[in-house]
Amino acid sequence: MIRDDGQGGVLIDLKVVPGARRDAIAGVLDMPGGGRLKVRVSAPPEGGRANKAVCRLIAGALGVRAAAVGVVAGASSPEKTVRAVGVGVEDAARALSGG
């Protein structure tokens, strides 16, 4: 779910639910092929708005700038991988689990 990218950041596997009532990190899902962090965003999936909302949400949770987070796989899919620069695996896991 969260792994080192080998370049000073982390890769985070997500399951995104767009069009939610509010933006939130909803927990971890066990899925075939590995777990994913479930996130809900209020933005619709059109025009990349949900992807931008996901990046802002993850950046806020990690304490990095929104520009430091980007979608690297699954841009048009609910199952995405984002890369966050400037944070380690342990810090990211702690921040995204609410602890």
PDB file of N, CA and C in Angstrom:
ATOM      1  N   MET A   1       0.822  -1.189   0.000  1.00  0.00           N
ATOM      2  CA  MET A   1       0.000   0.000   0.000  1.00  0.00           C
ATOM      3  C   MET A   1       0.870   1.258   0.000  1.00  0.00           C
ATOM      4  N   ILE A   2       1.855   1.351   0.885  1.00  0.00           N
ATOM      5  CA  ILE A   2       2.797   2.466   0.900  1.00  0.00           C
ATOM      6  C   ILE A   2       4.190   1.873   0.781  1.00  0.00           C
ATOM      7  N   ARG A   3       4.936   2.367  -0.214  1.00  0.00           N
ATOM      8  CA  ARG A   3       6.283   1.834  -0.404  1.00  0.00           C
ATOM      9  C   ARG A   3       7.230   2.939  -0.858  1.00  0.00           C
ATOM     10  N   ASP A   4       8.499   2.724  -0.615  1.00  0.00           N
ATOM     11  CA  ASP A   4       9.535   3.673  -0.997  1.00  0.00           C
ATOM     12  C   ASP A   4       9.644   3.706  -2.519  1.00  0.00           C
ATOM     13  N   ASP A   5       9.776   4.891  -3.081  1.00  0.00           N
ATOM     14  CA  ASP A   5       9.906   4.994  -4.539  1.00  0.00           C
ATOM     15  C   ASP A   5      11.359   4.991  -4.995  1.00  0.00           C
ATOM     16  N   GLY A   6      12.303   4.962  -4.044  1.00  0.00           N
ATOM     17  CA  GLY A   6      13.719   4.941  -4.379  1.00  0.00           C
ATOM     18  C   GLY A   6      14.267   6.287  -4.807  1.00  0.00           C
ATOM     19  N   GLN A   7      13.448   7.345  -4.724  1.00  0.00           N
ATOM     20  CA  GLN A   7      13.871   8.670  -5.176  1.00  0.00           C
ATOM     21  C   GLN A   7      13.520   9.758  -4.155  1.00  0.00           C
ATOM     22  N   GLY A   8      13.450   9.389  -2.888  1.00  0.00           N
ATOM     23  CA  GLY A   8      13.161  10.381  -1.860  1.00  0.00           C
ATOM     24  C   GLY A   8      11.684  10.615  -1.610  1.00  0.00           C
ATOM     25  N   GLY A   9      10.877   9.671  -1.973  1.00  0.00           N
ATOM     26  CA  GLY A   9       9.437   9.795  -1.758  1.00  0.00           C
ATOM     27  C   GLY A   9       8.798   8.441  -1.554  1.00  0.00           C
ATOM     28  N   VAL A  10       7.476   8.425  -1.610  1.00  0.00           N
ATOM     29  CA  VAL A  10       6.733   7.178  -1.433  1.00  0.00           C
ATOM     30  C   VAL A  10       5.689   7.038  -2.535  1.00  0.00           C
ATOM     31  N   LEU A  11       5.316   5.804  -2.792  1.00  0.00           N
ATOM     32  CA  LEU A  11       4.206   5.475  -3.673  1.00  0.00           C
ATOM     33  C   LEU A  11       3.078   4.942  -2.799  1.00  0.00           C
ATOM     34  N   ILE A  12       1.879   5.438  -3.035  1.00  0.00           N
ATOM     35  CA  ILE A  12       0.725   5.059  -2.220  1.00  0.00           C
ATOM     36  C   ILE A  12      -0.374   4.562  -3.141  1.00  0.00           C
ATOM     37  N   ASP A  13      -0.832   3.329  -2.902  1.00  0.00           N
ATOM     38  CA  ASP A  13      -1.924   2.749  -3.685  1.00  0.00           C
ATOM     39  C   ASP A  13      -3.251   3.169  -3.076  1.00  0.00           C
ATOM     40  N   LEU A  14      -4.147   3.670  -3.919  1.00  0.00           N
ATOM     41  CA  LEU A  14      -5.424   4.210  -3.451  1.00  0.00           C
ATOM     42  C   LEU A  14      -6.605   3.573  -4.163  1.00  0.00           C
ATOM     43  N   LYS A  15      -7.730   3.579  -3.497  1.00  0.00           N
ATOM     44  CA  LYS A  15      -9.048   3.315  -4.082  1.00  0.00           C
ATOM     45  C   LYS A  15      -9.824   4.600  -3.849  1.00  0.00           C
ATOM     46  N   VAL A  16     -10.173   5.296  -4.936  1.00  0.00           N
ATOM     47  CA  VAL A  16     -10.777   6.622  -4.837  1.00  0.00           C
ATOM     48  C   VAL A  16     -12.274   6.548  -5.124  1.00  0.00           C
ATOM     49  N   VAL A  17     -13.043   7.203  -4.275  1.00  0.00           N
ATOM     50  CA  VAL A  17     -14.485   7.322  -4.459  1.00  0.00           C
ATOM     51  C   VAL A  17     -14.787   8.807  -4.688  1.00  0.00           C
ATOM     52  N   PRO A  18     -15.002   9.205  -5.957  1.00  0.00           N
ATOM     53  CA  PRO A  18     -15.327  10.606  -6.237  1.00  0.00           C
ATOM     54  C   PRO A  18     -16.802  10.887  -5.966  1.00  0.00           C
ATOM     55  N   GLY A  19     -17.140  12.162  -5.875  1.00  0.00           N
ATOM     56  CA  GLY A  19     -18.529  12.561  -5.677  1.00  0.00           C
ATOM     57  C   GLY A  19     -19.056  12.281  -4.286  1.00  0.00           C
ATOM     58  N   ALA A  20     -18.167  12.143  -3.322  1.00  0.00           N
ATOM     59  CA  ALA A  20     -18.579  11.880  -1.935  1.00  0.00           C
ATOM     60  C   ALA A  20     -19.105  13.158  -1.296  1.00  0.00           C
ATOM     61  N   ARG A  21     -19.679  13.010  -0.136  1.00  0.00           N
ATOM     62  CA  ARG A  21     -20.213  14.155   0.586  1.00  0.00           C
ATOM     63  C   ARG A  21     -19.099  15.095   1.047  1.00  0.00           C
ATOM     64  N   ARG A  22     -17.960  14.516   1.458  1.00  0.00           N
ATOM     65  CA  ARG A  22     -16.821  15.326   1.890  1.00  0.00           C
ATOM     66  C   ARG A  22     -15.535  14.566   1.631  1.00  0.00           C
ATOM     67  N   ASP A  23     -14.430  15.286   1.607  1.00  0.00           N
ATOM     68  CA  ASP A  23     -13.113  14.682   1.406  1.00  0.00           C
ATOM     69  C   ASP A  23     -12.673  14.006   2.701  1.00  0.00           C
ATOM     70  N   ALA A  24     -12.208  12.757   2.587  1.00  0.00           N
ATOM     71  CA  ALA A  24     -11.774  12.035   3.779  1.00  0.00           C
ATOM     72  C   ALA A  24     -10.948  10.817   3.406  1.00  0.00           C
ATOM     73  N   ILE A  25     -10.048  10.463   4.305  1.00  0.00           N
ATOM     74  CA  ILE A  25      -9.347   9.186   4.211  1.00  0.00           C
ATOM     75  C   ILE A  25     -10.200   8.204   4.987  1.00  0.00           C
ATOM     76  N   ALA A  26     -10.661   7.149   4.302  1.00  0.00           N
ATOM     77  CA  ALA A  26     -11.676   6.273   4.869  1.00  0.00           C
ATOM     78  C   ALA A  26     -11.140   4.953   5.406  1.00  0.00           C
ATOM     79  N   GLY A  27      -9.838   4.715   5.332  1.00  0.00           N
ATOM     80  CA  GLY A  27      -9.296   3.479   5.877  1.00  0.00           C
ATOM     81  C   GLY A  27      -8.599   2.657   4.822  1.00  0.00           C
ATOM     82  N   VAL A  28      -8.313   1.402   5.168  1.00  0.00           N
ATOM     83  CA  VAL A  28      -7.566   0.505   4.291  1.00  0.00           C
ATOM     84  C   VAL A  28      -8.480  -0.605   3.797  1.00  0.00           C
ATOM     85  N   LEU A  29      -8.392  -0.875   2.506  1.00  0.00           N
ATOM     86  CA  LEU A  29      -9.145  -1.978   1.905  1.00  0.00           C
ATOM     87  C   LEU A  29      -8.193  -3.111   1.570  1.00  0.00           C
ATOM     88  N   ASP A  30      -8.563  -4.336   1.910  1.00  0.00           N
ATOM     89  CA  ASP A  30      -7.815  -5.502   1.448  1.00  0.00           C
ATOM     90  C   ASP A  30      -8.367  -5.859   0.090  1.00  0.00           C
ATOM     91  N   MET A  31      -7.488  -5.861  -0.911  1.00  0.00           N
ATOM     92  CA  MET A  31      -7.910  -6.150  -2.279  1.00  0.00           C
ATOM     93  C   MET A  31      -6.975  -7.180  -2.877  1.00  0.00           C
ATOM     94  N   PRO A  32      -7.429  -7.906  -3.888  1.00  0.00           N
ATOM     95  CA  PRO A  32      -6.521  -8.829  -4.578  1.00  0.00           C
ATOM     96  C   PRO A  32      -5.314  -8.055  -5.107  1.00  0.00           C
ATOM     97  N   GLY A  33      -4.134  -8.575  -4.861  1.00  0.00           N
ATOM     98  CA  GLY A  33      -2.921  -7.908  -5.304  1.00  0.00           C
ATOM     99  C   GLY A  33      -2.363  -6.928  -4.293  1.00  0.00           C
ATOM    100  N   GLY A  34      -3.022  -6.770  -3.147  1.00  0.00           N
ATOM    101  CA  GLY A  34      -2.507  -5.898  -2.098  1.00  0.00           C
ATOM    102  C   GLY A  34      -3.536  -4.917  -1.600  1.00  0.00           C
ATOM    103  N   GLY A  35      -3.256  -4.347  -0.449  1.00  0.00           N
ATOM    104  CA  GLY A  35      -4.172  -3.384   0.157  1.00  0.00           C
ATOM    105  C   GLY A  35      -4.091  -2.023  -0.507  1.00  0.00           C
ATOM    106  N   ARG A  36      -5.153  -1.268  -0.366  1.00  0.00           N
ATOM    107  CA  ARG A  36      -5.216   0.102  -0.889  1.00  0.00           C
ATOM    108  C   ARG A  36      -5.845   0.989   0.161  1.00  0.00           C
ATOM    109  N   LEU A  37      -5.390   2.216   0.207  1.00  0.00           N
ATOM    110  CA  LEU A  37      -5.960   3.211   1.082  1.00  0.00           C
ATOM    111  C   LEU A  37      -7.205   3.761   0.400  1.00  0.00           C
ATOM    112  N   LYS A  38      -8.343   3.720   1.081  1.00  0.00           N
ATOM    113  CA  LYS A  38      -9.585   4.227   0.506  1.00  0.00           C
ATOM    114  C   LYS A  38      -9.721   5.701   0.842  1.00  0.00           C
ATOM    115  N   VAL A  39      -9.927   6.511  -0.197  1.00  0.00           N
ATOM    116  CA  VAL A  39     -10.141   7.940   0.006  1.00  0.00           C
ATOM    117  C   VAL A  39     -11.414   8.363  -0.710  1.00  0.00           C
ATOM    118  N   ARG A  40     -12.109   9.299  -0.089  1.00  0.00           N
ATOM    119  CA  ARG A  40     -13.325   9.854  -0.675  1.00  0.00           C
ATOM    120  C   ARG A  40     -13.071  11.331  -0.954  1.00  0.00           C
ATOM    121  N   VAL A  41     -13.493  11.772  -2.138  1.00  0.00           N
ATOM    122  CA  VAL A  41     -13.380  13.194  -2.468  1.00  0.00           C
ATOM    123  C   VAL A  41     -14.714  13.679  -3.007  1.00  0.00           C
ATOM    124  N   SER A  42     -15.022  14.931  -2.721  1.00  0.00           N
ATOM    125  CA  SER A  42     -16.301  15.486  -3.168  1.00  0.00           C
ATOM    126  C   SER A  42     -16.275  15.881  -4.639  1.00  0.00           C
ATOM    127  N   ALA A  43     -15.100  16.061  -5.190  1.00  0.00           N
ATOM    128  CA  ALA A  43     -14.981  16.472  -6.586  1.00  0.00           C
ATOM    129  C   ALA A  43     -15.466  15.364  -7.524  1.00  0.00           C
ATOM    130  N   PRO A  44     -16.059  15.750  -8.656  1.00  0.00           N
ATOM    131  CA  PRO A  44     -16.482  14.761  -9.642  1.00  0.00           C
ATOM    132  C   PRO A  44     -15.275  14.236 -10.422  1.00  0.00           C
ATOM    133  N   PRO A  45     -15.422  13.081 -11.073  1.00  0.00           N
ATOM    134  CA  PRO A  45     -14.294  12.502 -11.794  1.00  0.00           C
ATOM    135  C   PRO A  45     -14.026  13.137 -13.159  1.00  0.00           C
ATOM    136  N   GLU A  46     -14.734  14.175 -13.521  1.00  0.00           N
ATOM    137  CA  GLU A  46     -14.539  14.796 -14.826  1.00  0.00           C
ATOM    138  C   GLU A  46     -13.407  15.812 -14.807  1.00  0.00           C
ATOM    139  N   GLY A  47     -12.686  15.867 -15.915  1.00  0.00           N
ATOM    140  CA  GLY A  47     -11.668  16.896 -16.099  1.00  0.00           C
ATOM    141  C   GLY A  47     -10.505  16.846 -15.127  1.00  0.00           C
ATOM    142  N   GLY A  48     -10.252  15.715 -14.516  1.00  0.00           N
ATOM    143  CA  GLY A  48      -9.144  15.589 -13.581  1.00  0.00           C
ATOM    144  C   GLY A  48      -9.379  16.233 -12.234  1.00  0.00           C
ATOM    145  N   ARG A  49     -10.614  16.684 -11.993  1.00  0.00           N
ATOM    146  CA  ARG A  49     -10.888  17.369 -10.724  1.00  0.00           C
ATOM    147  C   ARG A  49     -10.742  16.435  -9.524  1.00  0.00           C
ATOM    148  N   ALA A  50     -11.189  15.189  -9.651  1.00  0.00           N
ATOM    149  CA  ALA A  50     -11.052  14.243  -8.540  1.00  0.00           C
ATOM    150  C   ALA A  50      -9.580  13.943  -8.269  1.00  0.00           C
ATOM    151  N   ASN A  51      -8.772  13.819  -9.321  1.00  0.00           N
ATOM    152  CA  ASN A  51      -7.342  13.567  -9.126  1.00  0.00           C
ATOM    153  C   ASN A  51      -6.684  14.721  -8.380  1.00  0.00           C
ATOM    154  N   LYS A  52      -7.025  15.950  -8.723  1.00  0.00           N
ATOM    155  CA  LYS A  52      -6.472  17.109  -8.028  1.00  0.00           C
ATOM    156  C   LYS A  52      -6.906  17.123  -6.567  1.00  0.00           C
ATOM    157  N   ALA A  53      -8.162  16.772  -6.315  1.00  0.00           N
ATOM    158  CA  ALA A  53      -8.661  16.724  -4.934  1.00  0.00           C
ATOM    159  C   ALA A  53      -7.943  15.644  -4.135  1.00  0.00           C
ATOM    160  N   VAL A  54      -7.685  14.508  -4.766  1.00  0.00           N
ATOM    161  CA  VAL A  54      -6.954  13.425  -4.100  1.00  0.00           C
ATOM    162  C   VAL A  54      -5.558  13.908  -3.717  1.00  0.00           C
ATOM    163  N   CYS A  55      -4.882  14.574  -4.634  1.00  0.00           N
ATOM    164  CA  CYS A  55      -3.529  15.065  -4.356  1.00  0.00           C
ATOM    165  C   CYS A  55      -3.541  16.064  -3.214  1.00  0.00           C
ATOM    166  N   ARG A  56      -4.517  16.974  -3.187  1.00  0.00           N
ATOM    167  CA  ARG A  56      -4.619  17.946  -2.086  1.00  0.00           C
ATOM    168  C   ARG A  56      -4.872  17.239  -0.753  1.00  0.00           C
ATOM    169  N   LEU A  57      -5.769  16.244  -0.758  1.00  0.00           N
ATOM    170  CA  LEU A  57      -6.106  15.511   0.463  1.00  0.00           C
ATOM    171  C   LEU A  57      -4.888  14.771   1.017  1.00  0.00           C
ATOM    172  N   ILE A  58      -4.195  14.045   0.147  1.00  0.00           N
ATOM    173  CA  ILE A  58      -3.014  13.284   0.577  1.00  0.00           C
ATOM    174  C   ILE A  58      -1.911  14.234   1.039  1.00  0.00           C
ATOM    175  N   ALA A  59      -1.694  15.318   0.300  1.00  0.00           N
ATOM    176  CA  ALA A  59      -0.667  16.293   0.679  1.00  0.00           C
ATOM    177  C   ALA A  59      -0.962  16.880   2.053  1.00  0.00           C
ATOM    178  N   GLY A  60      -2.215  17.225   2.298  1.00  0.00           N
ATOM    179  CA  GLY A  60      -2.591  17.775   3.598  1.00  0.00           C
ATOM    180  C   GLY A  60      -2.342  16.793   4.725  1.00  0.00           C
ATOM    181  N   ALA A  61      -2.663  15.541   4.497  1.00  0.00           N
ATOM    182  CA  ALA A  61      -2.450  14.520   5.529  1.00  0.00           C
ATOM    183  C   ALA A  61      -0.963  14.296   5.795  1.00  0.00           C
ATOM    184  N   LEU A  62      -0.147  14.402   4.739  1.00  0.00           N
ATOM    185  CA  LEU A  62       1.292  14.158   4.881  1.00  0.00           C
ATOM    186  C   LEU A  62       2.063  15.395   5.313  1.00  0.00           C
ATOM    187  N   GLY A  63       1.435  16.560   5.238  1.00  0.00           N
ATOM    188  CA  GLY A  63       2.120  17.786   5.608  1.00  0.00           C
ATOM    189  C   GLY A  63       3.103  18.273   4.558  1.00  0.00           C
ATOM    190  N   VAL A  64       2.817  17.994   3.284  1.00  0.00           N
ATOM    191  CA  VAL A  64       3.653  18.481   2.183  1.00  0.00           C
ATOM    192  C   VAL A  64       2.800  19.363   1.268  1.00  0.00           C
ATOM    193  N   ARG A  65       3.450  20.097   0.379  1.00  0.00           N
ATOM    194  CA  ARG A  65       2.719  20.930  -0.582  1.00  0.00           C
ATOM    195  C   ARG A  65       1.945  20.031  -1.551  1.00  0.00           C
ATOM    196  N   ALA A  66       0.834  20.516  -2.056  1.00  0.00           N
ATOM    197  CA  ALA A  66       0.033  19.756  -3.022  1.00  0.00           C
ATOM    198  C   ALA A  66       0.840  19.436  -4.268  1.00  0.00           C
ATOM    199  N   ALA A  67       1.757  20.310  -4.643  1.00  0.00           N
ATOM    200  CA  ALA A  67       2.598  20.077  -5.822  1.00  0.00           C
ATOM    201  C   ALA A  67       3.558  18.906  -5.627  1.00  0.00           C
ATOM    202  N   ALA A  68       3.758  18.468  -4.375  1.00  0.00           N
ATOM    203  CA  ALA A  68       4.651  17.351  -4.086  1.00  0.00           C
ATOM    204  C   ALA A  68       3.958  16.003  -4.247  1.00  0.00           C
ATOM    205  N   VAL A  69       2.659  16.016  -4.567  1.00  0.00           N
ATOM    206  CA  VAL A  69       1.890  14.781  -4.719  1.00  0.00           C
ATOM    207  C   VAL A  69       1.294  14.749  -6.120  1.00  0.00           C
ATOM    208  N   GLY A  70       1.454  13.619  -6.794  1.00  0.00           N
ATOM    209  CA  GLY A  70       0.896  13.489  -8.135  1.00  0.00           C
ATOM    210  C   GLY A  70       0.466  12.071  -8.434  1.00  0.00           C
ATOM    211  N   VAL A  71      -0.508  11.929  -9.300  1.00  0.00           N
ATOM    212  CA  VAL A  71      -0.977  10.617  -9.727  1.00  0.00           C
ATOM    213  C   VAL A  71       0.019  10.066 -10.750  1.00  0.00           C
ATOM    214  N   VAL A  72       0.563   8.877 -10.482  1.00  0.00           N
ATOM    215  CA  VAL A  72       1.534   8.273 -11.397  1.00  0.00           C
ATOM    216  C   VAL A  72       0.975   7.058 -12.131  1.00  0.00           C
ATOM    217  N   ALA A  73      -0.164   6.536 -11.682  1.00  0.00           N
ATOM    218  CA  ALA A  73      -0.809   5.414 -12.369  1.00  0.00           C
ATOM    219  C   ALA A  73      -2.298   5.430 -12.057  1.00  0.00           C
ATOM    220  N   GLY A  74      -3.111   5.114 -13.063  1.00  0.00           N
ATOM    221  CA  GLY A  74      -4.545   5.011 -12.866  1.00  0.00           C
ATOM    222  C   GLY A  74      -5.289   6.332 -12.906  1.00  0.00           C
ATOM    223  N   ALA A  75      -4.813   7.282 -13.688  1.00  0.00           N
ATOM    224  CA  ALA A  75      -5.424   8.612 -13.716  1.00  0.00           C
ATOM    225  C   ALA A  75      -6.912   8.572 -14.042  1.00  0.00           C
ATOM    226  N   SER A  76      -7.353   7.623 -14.855  1.00  0.00           N
ATOM    227  CA  SER A  76      -8.773   7.554 -15.213  1.00  0.00           C
ATOM    228  C   SER A  76      -9.477   6.372 -14.559  1.00  0.00           C
ATOM    229  N   SER A  77      -8.860   5.807 -13.535  1.00  0.00           N
ATOM    230  CA  SER A  77      -9.398   4.641 -12.841  1.00  0.00           C
ATOM    231  C   SER A  77      -9.627   4.976 -11.374  1.00  0.00           C
ATOM    232  N   PRO A  78     -10.557   4.281 -10.714  1.00  0.00           N
ATOM    233  CA  PRO A  78     -10.701   4.495  -9.270  1.00  0.00           C
ATOM    234  C   PRO A  78      -9.517   3.941  -8.472  1.00  0.00           C
ATOM    235  N   GLU A  79      -8.787   3.008  -9.047  1.00  0.00           N
ATOM    236  CA  GLU A  79      -7.599   2.464  -8.394  1.00  0.00           C
ATOM    237  C   GLU A  79      -6.390   3.213  -8.935  1.00  0.00           C
ATOM    238  N   LYS A  80      -5.753   3.990  -8.071  1.00  0.00           N
ATOM    239  CA  LYS A  80      -4.666   4.877  -8.464  1.00  0.00           C
ATOM    240  C   LYS A  80      -3.430   4.619  -7.619  1.00  0.00           C
ATOM    241  N   THR A  81      -2.312   5.078  -8.133  1.00  0.00           N
ATOM    242  CA  THR A  81      -1.084   5.159  -7.353  1.00  0.00           C
ATOM    243  C   THR A  81      -0.621   6.603  -7.416  1.00  0.00           C
ATOM    244  N   VAL A  82      -0.364   7.169  -6.246  1.00  0.00           N
ATOM    245  CA  VAL A  82       0.166   8.528  -6.181  1.00  0.00           C
ATOM    246  C   VAL A  82       1.581   8.478  -5.634  1.00  0.00           C
ATOM    247  N   ARG A  83       2.370   9.456  -6.032  1.00  0.00           N
ATOM    248  CA  ARG A  83       3.733   9.600  -5.526  1.00  0.00           C
ATOM    249  C   ARG A  83       3.790  10.880  -4.714  1.00  0.00           C
ATOM    250  N   ALA A  84       4.353  10.781  -3.522  1.00  0.00           N
ATOM    251  CA  ALA A  84       4.543  11.940  -2.655  1.00  0.00           C
ATOM    252  C   ALA A  84       6.035  12.102  -2.402  1.00  0.00           C
ATOM    253  N   VAL A  85       6.551  13.277  -2.690  1.00  0.00           N
ATOM    254  CA  VAL A  85       7.973  13.580  -2.538  1.00  0.00           C
ATOM    255  C   VAL A  85       8.214  14.234  -1.192  1.00  0.00           C
ATOM    256  N   GLY A  86       9.335  13.879  -0.557  1.00  0.00           N
ATOM    257  CA  GLY A  86       9.726  14.545   0.679  1.00  0.00           C
ATOM    258  C   GLY A  86       9.183  13.917   1.941  1.00  0.00           C
ATOM    259  N   VAL A  87       8.740  12.674   1.855  1.00  0.00           N
ATOM    260  CA  VAL A  87       8.221  11.970   3.023  1.00  0.00           C
ATOM    261  C   VAL A  87       8.668  10.512   2.945  1.00  0.00           C
ATOM    262  N   GLY A  88       8.951   9.905   4.105  1.00  0.00           N
ATOM    263  CA  GLY A  88       9.366   8.512   4.157  1.00  0.00           C
ATOM    264  C   GLY A  88       8.194   7.571   4.397  1.00  0.00           C
ATOM    265  N   VAL A  89       8.435   6.299   4.227  1.00  0.00           N
ATOM    266  CA  VAL A  89       7.388   5.294   4.367  1.00  0.00           C
ATOM    267  C   VAL A  89       6.785   5.305   5.767  1.00  0.00           C
ATOM    268  N   GLU A  90       7.621   5.334   6.798  1.00  0.00           N
ATOM    269  CA  GLU A  90       7.106   5.276   8.163  1.00  0.00           C
ATOM    270  C   GLU A  90       6.282   6.508   8.500  1.00  0.00           C
ATOM    271  N   ASP A  91       6.768   7.684   8.108  1.00  0.00           N
ATOM    272  CA  ASP A  91       6.033   8.919   8.369  1.00  0.00           C
ATOM    273  C   ASP A  91       4.717   8.945   7.616  1.00  0.00           C
ATOM    274  N   ALA A  92       4.745   8.484   6.368  1.00  0.00           N
ATOM    275  CA  ALA A  92       3.521   8.450   5.569  1.00  0.00           C
ATOM    276  C   ALA A  92       2.498   7.485   6.171  1.00  0.00           C
ATOM    277  N   ALA A  93       2.960   6.315   6.590  1.00  0.00           N
ATOM    278  CA  ALA A  93       2.048   5.329   7.183  1.00  0.00           C
ATOM    279  C   ALA A  93       1.405   5.883   8.453  1.00  0.00           C
ATOM    280  N   ARG A  94       2.203   6.544   9.266  1.00  0.00           N
ATOM    281  CA  ARG A  94       1.697   7.127  10.515  1.00  0.00           C
ATOM    282  C   ARG A  94       0.683   8.239  10.201  1.00  0.00           C
ATOM    283  N   ALA A  95       1.011   9.121   9.277  1.00  0.00           N
ATOM    284  CA  ALA A  95       0.125  10.251   8.953  1.00  0.00           C
ATOM    285  C   ALA A  95      -1.188   9.790   8.329  1.00  0.00           C
ATOM    286  N   LEU A  96      -1.126   8.794   7.468  1.00  0.00           N
ATOM    287  CA  LEU A  96      -2.334   8.353   6.766  1.00  0.00           C
ATOM    288  C   LEU A  96      -3.202   7.418   7.587  1.00  0.00           C
ATOM    289  N   SER A  97      -2.647   6.881   8.661  1.00  0.00           N
ATOM    290  CA  SER A  97      -3.460   6.027   9.537  1.00  0.00           C
ATOM    291  C   SER A  97      -4.090   6.834  10.660  1.00  0.00           C
ATOM    292  N   GLY A  98      -3.806   8.132  10.686  1.00  0.00           N
ATOM    293  CA  GLY A  98      -4.385   8.990  11.721  1.00  0.00           C
ATOM    294  C   GLY A  98      -3.569   9.019  12.996  1.00  0.00           C
ATOM    295  N   GLY A  99      -2.406   8.370  12.997  1.00  0.00           N
ATOM    296  CA  GLY A  99      -1.615   8.334  14.226  1.00  0.00           C
ATOM    297  C   GLY A  99      -0.377   9.096  14.085  1.00  0.00           C
TER     298      GLY A  99
END
